[in-house]
Amino acid sequence: MRTALLELDQAALAEPLPDEQVRQMLPTNGHALLQIVAAHTAYHAGQLAVWRRAIGRPSPGVFI
């Protein structure tokens, strides 16, 4: 995955997202990539923190 991300060029990131319905929210491949790498990952990290609290475990503080 790292290699694929490093090989992306600006033109590929600037291309319109192929899914027309999602394109209304994420207009380009670059927008979609940022959503997946940053926001989507953070969302799931938050879910894990809630699950840990629900079973009585402390928050790890930082997910790496």
Protein backbone atom coordinates (compact mmCIF):
# COMPACT_ATOMS: atom_id res chain seq x y z
CA MET A 1 0.00 0.00 0.00
CA ARG A 2 2.84 2.39 0.88
CA THR A 3 4.46 1.83 -2.50
CA ALA A 4 1.17 2.44 -4.32
CA LEU A 5 0.58 5.68 -2.39
CA LEU A 6 4.10 6.92 -3.08
CA GLU A 7 3.65 6.26 -6.81
CA LEU A 8 0.45 8.35 -7.07
CA ASP A 9 0.88 11.58 -8.96
CA GLN A 10 -1.07 14.81 -8.70
CA ALA A 11 -3.01 14.06 -11.89
CA ALA A 12 -4.33 10.77 -10.49
CA LEU A 13 -5.37 12.45 -7.24
CA ALA A 14 -7.12 15.26 -9.11
CA GLU A 15 -9.24 12.88 -11.23
CA PRO A 16 -12.97 12.87 -10.44
CA LEU A 17 -14.10 10.05 -8.19
CA PRO A 18 -15.70 7.35 -10.39
CA ASP A 19 -18.74 6.84 -8.12
CA GLU A 20 -21.13 9.63 -9.09
CA GLN A 21 -23.19 9.48 -5.89
CA VAL A 22 -20.15 9.65 -3.59
CA ARG A 23 -18.57 12.32 -5.83
CA GLN A 24 -21.05 14.84 -4.44
CA MET A 25 -19.28 14.57 -1.07
CA LEU A 26 -15.78 13.55 -2.21
CA PRO A 27 -15.21 15.12 -5.63
CA THR A 28 -11.76 13.70 -6.45
CA ASN A 29 -9.65 10.60 -5.83
CA GLY A 30 -7.50 12.75 -3.54
CA HIS A 31 -10.49 13.70 -1.39
CA ALA A 32 -11.51 10.04 -1.11
CA LEU A 33 -7.97 8.95 -0.22
CA LEU A 34 -7.73 11.56 2.54
CA GLN A 35 -11.12 10.45 3.89
CA ILE A 36 -10.00 6.83 4.09
CA VAL A 37 -6.53 7.49 5.51
CA ALA A 38 -7.49 10.14 8.06
CA ALA A 39 -11.16 10.40 8.94
CA HIS A 40 -12.23 6.78 8.43
CA THR A 41 -9.30 5.45 10.45
CA ALA A 42 -9.94 7.94 13.25
CA TYR A 43 -13.60 6.91 13.35
CA HIS A 44 -12.68 3.28 13.95
CA ALA A 45 -10.04 4.21 16.53
CA GLY A 46 -12.80 6.01 18.42
CA GLN A 47 -14.96 2.90 18.25
CA LEU A 48 -12.15 0.83 19.76
CA ALA A 49 -11.77 3.34 22.60
CA VAL A 50 -15.50 3.06 23.40
CA TRP A 51 -15.36 -0.74 23.33
CA ARG A 52 -12.37 -0.72 25.70
CA ARG A 53 -14.22 1.50 28.16
CA ALA A 54 -17.31 -0.72 27.89
CA ILE A 55 -15.30 -3.75 29.04
CA GLY A 56 -13.59 -1.83 31.82
CA ARG A 57 -10.20 -1.38 30.21
CA PRO A 58 -8.44 1.98 30.18
CA SER A 59 -7.96 3.98 27.04
CA PRO A 60 -4.56 3.28 25.46
CA GLY A 61 -4.20 7.03 24.91
CA VAL A 62 -2.90 6.83 21.34
CA PHE A 63 -3.60 4.34 18.57
CA ILE A 64 -0.60 3.64 16.40
